C-alpha atoms as a PDB file:
ATOM      1  CA  UNK A   1       0.000   0.000   0.000  1.00  0.00           C
ATOM      2  CA  UNK A   2       1.272   3.459  -0.890  1.00  0.00           C
ATOM      3  CA  UNK A   3       2.240   5.625   2.078  1.00  0.00           C
ATOM      4  CA  UNK A   4      -0.233   8.497   1.842  1.00  0.00           C
ATOM      5  CA  UNK A   5       1.922  10.589   4.160  1.00  0.00           C
ATOM      6  CA  UNK A   6       4.672  10.692   1.547  1.00  0.00           C
ATOM      7  CA  UNK A   7       2.145  12.510  -0.641  1.00  0.00           C
ATOM      8  CA  UNK A   8       1.271  14.734   2.323  1.00  0.00           C
ATOM      9  CA  UNK A   9       4.823  15.397   3.487  1.00  0.00           C
ATOM     10  CA  UNK A  10       4.212  19.134   3.051  1.00  0.00           C
ATOM     11  CA  UNK A  11       0.812  18.951   4.762  1.00  0.00           C
ATOM     12  CA  UNK A  12       1.459  17.128   8.026  1.00  0.00           C
ATOM     13  CA  UNK A  13       1.060  20.279  10.116  1.00  0.00           C
ATOM     14  CA  UNK A  14      -2.456  20.783   8.741  1.00  0.00           C
ATOM     15  CA  UNK A  15      -3.282  17.142   9.541  1.00  0.00           C
ATOM     16  CA  UNK A  16      -1.807  17.241  13.047  1.00  0.00           C
ATOM     17  CA  UNK A  17      -3.396  20.574  13.974  1.00  0.00           C
ATOM     18  CA  UNK A  18      -6.833  18.947  13.815  1.00  0.00           C
ATOM     19  CA  UNK A  19      -5.859  16.147  16.205  1.00  0.00           C
ATOM     20  CA  UNK A  20      -3.103  17.620  18.372  1.00  0.00           C
ATOM     21  CA  UNK A  21      -5.028  16.966  21.583  1.00  0.00           C
ATOM     22  CA  UNK A  22      -5.533  13.343  20.529  1.00  0.00           C
ATOM     23  CA  UNK A  23      -1.807  12.956  19.919  1.00  0.00           C
ATOM     24  CA  UNK A  24      -0.754  14.578  23.182  1.00  0.00           C
ATOM     25  CA  UNK A  25      -3.431  13.181  25.478  1.00  0.00           C
ATOM     26  CA  UNK A  26      -4.248   9.784  23.958  1.00  0.00           C
ATOM     27  CA  UNK A  27      -1.497   8.367  21.787  1.00  0.00           C
ATOM     28  CA  UNK A  28       1.665   9.700  23.410  1.00  0.00           C
ATOM     29  CA  UNK A  29       0.928   8.379  26.931  1.00  0.00           C
ATOM     30  CA  UNK A  30      -0.144   4.999  25.501  1.00  0.00           C
ATOM     31  CA  UNK A  31       2.753   4.333  23.095  1.00  0.00           C
ATOM     32  CA  UNK A  32       5.618   4.194  25.578  1.00  0.00           C
ATOM     33  CA  UNK A  33       8.129   2.871  23.055  1.00  0.00           C
ATOM     34  CA  UNK A  34       7.462   5.766  20.690  1.00  0.00           C
ATOM     35  CA  UNK A  35       7.549   8.238  23.564  1.00  0.00           C
ATOM     36  CA  UNK A  36      10.856   6.987  24.943  1.00  0.00           C
ATOM     37  CA  UNK A  37      12.478   6.872  21.489  1.00  0.00           C
ATOM     38  CA  UNK A  38      11.847  10.541  20.839  1.00  0.00           C
ATOM     39  CA  UNK A  39      11.519  12.144  24.253  1.00  0.00           C
ATOM     40  CA  UNK A  40      13.272   9.860  26.730  1.00  0.00           C
ATOM     41  CA  UNK A  41      12.248  10.636  30.294  1.00  0.00           C
ATOM     42  CA  UNK A  42      11.135  14.189  29.652  1.00  0.00           C
ATOM     43  CA  UNK A  43       7.733  15.074  31.148  1.00  0.00           C
ATOM     44  CA  UNK A  44       4.849  15.277  28.697  1.00  0.00           C
ATOM     45  CA  UNK A  45       3.869  18.767  29.809  1.00  0.00           C
ATOM     46  CA  UNK A  46       7.338  20.005  28.845  1.00  0.00           C
ATOM     47  CA  UNK A  47       7.076  18.932  25.208  1.00  0.00           C
ATOM     48  CA  UNK A  48       6.366  21.583  22.612  1.00  0.00           C
ATOM     49  CA  UNK A  49       3.821  21.128  19.853  1.00  0.00           C
ATOM     50  CA  UNK A  50       6.600  21.463  17.269  1.00  0.00           C
ATOM     51  CA  UNK A  51       8.593  18.624  18.862  1.00  0.00           C
ATOM     52  CA  UNK A  52       5.575  16.347  18.966  1.00  0.00           C
ATOM     53  CA  UNK A  53       4.632  17.075  15.348  1.00  0.00           C
ATOM     54  CA  UNK A  54       8.211  16.450  14.178  1.00  0.00           C
ATOM     55  CA  UNK A  55       8.329  13.043  15.887  1.00  0.00           C
ATOM     56  CA  UNK A  56       5.033  11.921  14.383  1.00  0.00           C
ATOM     57  CA  UNK A  57       5.976  13.201  10.951  1.00  0.00           C
ATOM     58  CA  UNK A  58       9.206  11.182  11.007  1.00  0.00           C
ATOM     59  CA  UNK A  59       7.390   7.981  11.957  1.00  0.00           C
ATOM     60  CA  UNK A  60       4.674   8.467   9.361  1.00  0.00           C
ATOM     61  CA  UNK A  61       7.138   9.161   6.554  1.00  0.00           C
ATOM     62  CA  UNK A  62       8.995   6.004   7.548  1.00  0.00           C
ATOM     63  CA  UNK A  63       5.767   4.041   7.119  1.00  0.00           C
ATOM     64  CA  UNK A  64       4.653   3.359  10.705  1.00  0.00           C
ATOM     65  CA  UNK A  65       1.275   1.791   9.915  1.00  0.00           C
ATOM     66  CA  UNK A  66       0.012   1.726  13.502  1.00  0.00           C
ATOM     67  CA  UNK A  67       0.525   5.442  13.987  1.00  0.00           C
ATOM     68  CA  UNK A  68      -0.808   6.132  10.483  1.00  0.00           C
ATOM     69  CA  UNK A  69      -4.032   4.258  11.321  1.00  0.00           C
ATOM     70  CA  UNK A  70      -4.421   6.262  14.547  1.00  0.00           C
ATOM     71  CA  UNK A  71      -3.856   9.589  12.776  1.00  0.00           C
ATOM     72  CA  UNK A  72      -6.222   8.807   9.893  1.00  0.00           C
ATOM     73  CA  UNK A  73      -8.972   7.472  12.167  1.00  0.00           C
ATOM     74  CA  UNK A  74      -8.853  10.457  14.503  1.00  0.00           C
ATOM     75  CA  UNK A  75      -8.671  12.949  11.635  1.00  0.00           C
ATOM     76  CA  UNK A  76     -11.651  11.378   9.861  1.00  0.00           C
ATOM     77  CA  UNK A  77     -13.595  11.324  13.149  1.00  0.00           C
ATOM     78  CA  UNK A  78     -13.042  15.094  13.432  1.00  0.00           C
ATOM     79  CA  UNK A  79     -14.401  15.493   9.886  1.00  0.00           C
ATOM     80  CA  UNK A  80     -17.486  13.290  10.067  1.00  0.00           C
ATOM     81  CA  UNK A  81     -19.581  15.434   7.736  1.00  0.00           C
ATOM     82  CA  UNK A  82     -16.901  15.266   5.074  1.00  0.00           C
ATOM     83  CA  UNK A  83     -16.692  11.484   5.458  1.00  0.00           C
ATOM     84  CA  UNK A  84     -20.460  11.196   5.059  1.00  0.00           C
ATOM     85  CA  UNK A  85     -20.324  13.294   1.889  1.00  0.00           C
ATOM     86  CA  UNK A  86     -17.741  11.020   0.298  1.00  0.00           C
ATOM     87  CA  UNK A  87     -19.357   7.818   1.567  1.00  0.00           C
ATOM     88  CA  UNK A  88     -22.745   8.801   0.152  1.00  0.00           C
ATOM     89  CA  UNK A  89     -21.336   9.805  -3.229  1.00  0.00           C
ATOM     90  CA  UNK A  90     -19.092   6.752  -3.567  1.00  0.00           C
ATOM     91  CA  UNK A  91     -21.873   4.392  -2.461  1.00  0.00           C
ATOM     92  CA  UNK A  92     -24.044   5.739  -5.252  1.00  0.00           C
ATOM     93  CA  UNK A  93     -21.366   4.546  -7.679  1.00  0.00           C
ATOM     94  CA  UNK A  94     -20.757   1.219  -5.955  1.00  0.00           C
ATOM     95  CA  UNK A  95     -22.476   0.198  -2.670  1.00  0.00           C
ATOM     96  CA  UNK A  96     -19.222  -1.486  -1.670  1.00  0.00           C
ATOM     97  CA  UNK A  97     -17.121   1.547  -2.472  1.00  0.00           C
ATOM     98  CA  UNK A  98     -13.945  -0.071  -1.127  1.00  0.00           C
ATOM     99  CA  UNK A  99     -13.988  -2.199  -4.275  1.00  0.00           C
ATOM    100  CA  UNK A 100     -13.808   0.812  -6.596  1.00  0.00           C
ATOM    101  CA  UNK A 101     -10.462   0.590  -8.404  1.00  0.00           C
ATOM    102  CA  UNK A 102     -10.495   3.889 -10.271  1.00  0.00           C
ATOM    103  CA  UNK A 103     -13.048   6.649 -10.729  1.00  0.00           C
ATOM    104  CA  UNK A 104     -13.598   8.175 -14.127  1.00  0.00           C
ATOM    105  CA  UNK A 105     -13.285  11.936 -14.530  1.00  0.00           C
ATOM    106  CA  UNK A 106     -17.078  12.210 -14.605  1.00  0.00           C
ATOM    107  CA  UNK A 107     -17.507  10.081 -11.470  1.00  0.00           C
ATOM    108  CA  UNK A 108     -14.798  12.087  -9.700  1.00  0.00           C
ATOM    109  CA  UNK A 109     -16.625  15.315 -10.481  1.00  0.00           C
ATOM    110  CA  UNK A 110     -19.858  13.804  -9.100  1.00  0.00           C
ATOM    111  CA  UNK A 111     -18.104  12.783  -5.879  1.00  0.00           C
ATOM    112  CA  UNK A 112     -16.481  16.191  -5.448  1.00  0.00           C
ATOM    113  CA  UNK A 113     -19.586  18.237  -6.206  1.00  0.00           C
ATOM    114  CA  UNK A 114     -20.340  20.431  -3.188  1.00  0.00           C
ATOM    115  CA  UNK A 115     -17.399  19.179  -1.104  1.00  0.00           C
ATOM    116  CA  UNK A 116     -15.123  22.161  -1.594  1.00  0.00           C
ATOM    117  CA  UNK A 117     -17.967  24.652  -1.160  1.00  0.00           C
ATOM    118  CA  UNK A 118     -19.201  23.003   2.048  1.00  0.00           C
ATOM    119  CA  UNK A 119     -15.978  21.830   3.686  1.00  0.00           C
ATOM    120  CA  UNK A 120     -13.152  23.803   2.105  1.00  0.00           C
ATOM    121  CA  UNK A 121     -10.497  22.814  -0.392  1.00  0.00           C
ATOM    122  CA  UNK A 122      -7.788  21.931   2.147  1.00  0.00           C
ATOM    123  CA  UNK A 123      -9.891  19.436   4.191  1.00  0.00           C
ATOM    124  CA  UNK A 124     -11.257  17.980   0.940  1.00  0.00           C
ATOM    125  CA  UNK A 125      -7.756  17.456  -0.448  1.00  0.00           C
ATOM    126  CA  UNK A 126      -6.475  15.967   2.825  1.00  0.00           C
ATOM    127  CA  UNK A 127      -9.443  13.612   3.088  1.00  0.00           C
ATOM    128  CA  UNK A 128      -8.925  12.432  -0.484  1.00  0.00           C
ATOM    129  CA  UNK A 129      -5.298  11.477   0.150  1.00  0.00           C
ATOM    130  CA  UNK A 130      -5.662  10.168   3.713  1.00  0.00           C
ATOM    131  CA  UNK A 131      -8.459   7.823   2.692  1.00  0.00           C
ATOM    132  CA  UNK A 132      -7.023   6.811  -0.656  1.00  0.00           C
ATOM    133  CA  UNK A 133      -9.976   8.005  -2.712  1.00  0.00           C
ATOM    134  CA  UNK A 134      -9.237   6.629  -6.186  1.00  0.00           C
ATOM    135  CA  UNK A 135      -9.511   9.863  -8.151  1.00  0.00           C
ATOM    136  CA  UNK A 136      -7.712  10.152 -11.490  1.00  0.00           C
ATOM    137  CA  UNK A 137      -4.148  11.437 -11.041  1.00  0.00           C
ATOM    138  CA  UNK A 138      -4.993  14.669 -12.817  1.00  0.00           C
ATOM    139  CA  UNK A 139      -7.799  15.347 -10.339  1.00  0.00           C
ATOM    140  CA  UNK A 140      -5.509  14.740  -7.351  1.00  0.00           C
ATOM    141  CA  UNK A 141      -2.925  17.107  -8.775  1.00  0.00           C
ATOM    142  CA  UNK A 142      -5.573  19.764  -9.394  1.00  0.00           C
ATOM    143  CA  UNK A 143      -6.852  19.447  -5.828  1.00  0.00           C
ATOM    144  CA  UNK A 144      -3.351  19.874  -4.432  1.00  0.00           C
ATOM    145  CA  UNK A 145      -2.751  22.971  -6.550  1.00  0.00           C
ATOM    146  CA  UNK A 146      -6.000  24.523  -5.324  1.00  0.00           C
ATOM    147  CA  UNK A 147      -5.232  23.552  -1.721  1.00  0.00           C
ATOM    148  CA  UNK A 148      -1.769  25.107  -1.998  1.00  0.00           C
ATOM    149  CA  UNK A 149      -3.261  28.337  -3.328  1.00  0.00           C
ATOM    150  CA  UNK A 150      -5.766  28.369  -0.469  1.00  0.00           C
ATOM    151  CA  UNK A 151      -2.984  27.823   2.058  1.00  0.00           C
ATOM    152  CA  UNK A 152      -0.960  30.703   0.631  1.00  0.00           C
ATOM    153  CA  UNK A 153      -4.039  32.919   0.857  1.00  0.00           C
ATOM    154  CA  UNK A 154      -4.529  31.857   4.487  1.00  0.00           C
ATOM    155  CA  UNK A 155      -0.895  32.633   5.266  1.00  0.00           C
ATOM    156  CA  UNK A 156      -1.266  36.119   3.778  1.00  0.00           C
ATOM    157  CA  UNK A 157      -4.488  36.676   5.712  1.00  0.00           C
ATOM    158  CA  UNK A 158      -2.934  35.486   8.985  1.00  0.00           C
ATOM    159  CA  UNK A 159       0.155  37.619   8.402  1.00  0.00           C
ATOM    160  CA  UNK A 160      -2.030  40.655   7.709  1.00  0.00           C
ATOM    161  CA  UNK A 161      -4.095  39.970  10.824  1.00  0.00           C
ATOM    162  CA  UNK A 162      -0.923  39.709  12.926  1.00  0.00           C
ATOM    163  CA  UNK A 163       0.364  42.982  11.503  1.00  0.00           C
ATOM    164  CA  UNK A 164      -2.960  44.637  12.294  1.00  0.00           C
ATOM    165  CA  UNK A 165      -2.848  43.302  15.849  1.00  0.00           C
ATOM    166  CA  UNK A 166       0.701  44.596  16.207  1.00  0.00           C
ATOM    167  CA  UNK A 167      -0.314  48.021  14.898  1.00  0.00           C
ATOM    168  CA  UNK A 168      -3.325  48.072  17.211  1.00  0.00           C
ATOM    169  CA  UNK A 169      -1.059  47.272  20.171  1.00  0.00           C
ATOM    170  CA  UNK A 170       1.328  50.062  19.177  1.00  0.00           C
ATOM    171  CA  UNK A 171      -1.582  52.482  18.755  1.00  0.00           C
ATOM    172  CA  UNK A 172      -3.040  51.484  22.128  1.00  0.00           C
ATOM    173  CA  UNK A 173       0.388  51.969  23.737  1.00  0.00           C
ATOM    174  CA  UNK A 174       0.710  55.424  22.177  1.00  0.00           C
ATOM    175  CA  UNK A 175      -2.793  56.318  23.308  1.00  0.00           C
ATOM    176  CA  UNK A 176      -1.950  55.272  26.872  1.00  0.00           C
ATOM    177  CA  UNK A 177       1.250  57.314  26.726  1.00  0.00           C
ATOM    178  CA  UNK A 178      -0.642  60.345  25.400  1.00  0.00           C
ATOM    179  CA  UNK A 179      -3.223  59.962  28.153  1.00  0.00           C
ATOM    180  CA  UNK A 180      -0.423  59.764  30.736  1.00  0.00           C
ATOM    181  CA  UNK A 181       1.239  62.869  29.304  1.00  0.00           C
ATOM    182  CA  UNK A 182      -2.110  64.676  29.231  1.00  0.00           C
ATOM    183  CA  UNK A 183      -2.611  63.820  32.893  1.00  0.00           C
ATOM    184  CA  UNK A 184       0.828  65.264  33.653  1.00  0.00           C
ATOM    185  CA  UNK A 185       0.052  68.400  31.643  1.00  0.00           C
ATOM    186  CA  UNK A 186      -3.276  68.788  33.444  1.00  0.00           C
ATOM    187  CA  UNK A 187      -1.478  68.389  36.764  1.00  0.00           C
ATOM    188  CA  UNK A 188       1.150  70.976  35.828  1.00  0.00           C
ATOM    189  CA  UNK A 189      -1.545  73.399  34.652  1.00  0.00           C
ATOM    190  CA  UNK A 190      -3.483  72.995  37.901  1.00  0.00           C
ATOM    191  CA  UNK A 191      -0.306  73.511  39.936  1.00  0.00           C
ATOM    192  CA  UNK A 192       0.534  76.571  37.809  1.00  0.00           C
ATOM    193  CA  UNK A 193      -2.952  77.985  38.414  1.00  0.00           C
ATOM    194  CA  UNK A 194      -2.670  77.389  42.176  1.00  0.00           C
ATOM    195  CA  UNK A 195       0.828  78.860  42.341  1.00  0.00           C
ATOM    196  CA  UNK A 196      -0.226  81.892  40.274  1.00  0.00           C
ATOM    197  CA  UNK A 197      -3.234  82.514  42.488  1.00  0.00           C
ATOM    198  CA  UNK A 198      -1.097  82.206  45.601  1.00  0.00           C
ATOM    199  CA  UNK A 199       1.459  84.576  44.151  1.00  0.00           C
ATOM    200  CA  UNK A 200      -1.242  87.149  43.324  1.00  0.00           C
ATOM    201  CA  UNK A 201      -2.440  87.007  46.935  1.00  0.00           C
ATOM    202  CA  UNK A 202       1.110  87.452  48.163  1.00  0.00           C
ATOM    203  CA  UNK A 203       1.585  90.458  45.854  1.00  0.00           C
ATOM    204  CA  UNK A 204      -1.665  92.057  47.062  1.00  0.00           C
ATOM    205  CA  UNK A 205      -0.690  91.486  50.674  1.00  0.00           C
ATOM    206  CA  UNK A 206       2.742  92.999  50.041  1.00  0.00           C
ATOM    207  CA  UNK A 207       1.188  96.015  48.298  1.00  0.00           C
ATOM    208  CA  UNK A 208      -1.111  96.597  51.273  1.00  0.00           C
ATOM    209  CA  UNK A 209       1.841  96.531  53.623  1.00  0.00           C
ATOM    210  CA  UNK A 210       3.779  98.964  51.441  1.00  0.00           C
ATOM    211  CA  UNK A 211       0.920 101.420  51.276  1.00  0.00           C
ATOM    212  CA  UNK A 212      -0.005 100.959  54.913  1.00  0.00           C
END
């Protein structure tokens, strides 16, 4: 069987992000051999997400079928509506859809219809590869191109959002500093007014004494 994670070697982060709690809380504590190989005696709470993802990626690319089955099952469980879409469409072609060897271009279009619109191109592409949907090679390549474009658009959007947040933080900091300076100016003005009034009284008192 072809290792689907070789096809998804540039997409493992997207796969893992959906199931990171499952990896950390369910699989890692249970697979002691895997844990010890990559993390020794380090405490689980001290492991970073990046370290965990890197360890799983290495095992999957090396063809660890047990871990691959866990990852695929948990990912599909998180995307139940997408699974139902594909199962319904494939069953309409062959009730025992596991026996389908290769879909025609027309059948592939029928299976895909509505999937991207309802579930997004990236989950649709990942599902197709993770579950070995027998689309024509040209269709798989087209899906990956569209998914890559969508990911680039997401990266730009996230980068823009981060820049906006950074600018908003800078603006808020400047506004706080302006408010603090305004408070100081107000305080100085009030002190100036008090001192001026006191000085006027002193001058009047001195004038009275001089003319007295």
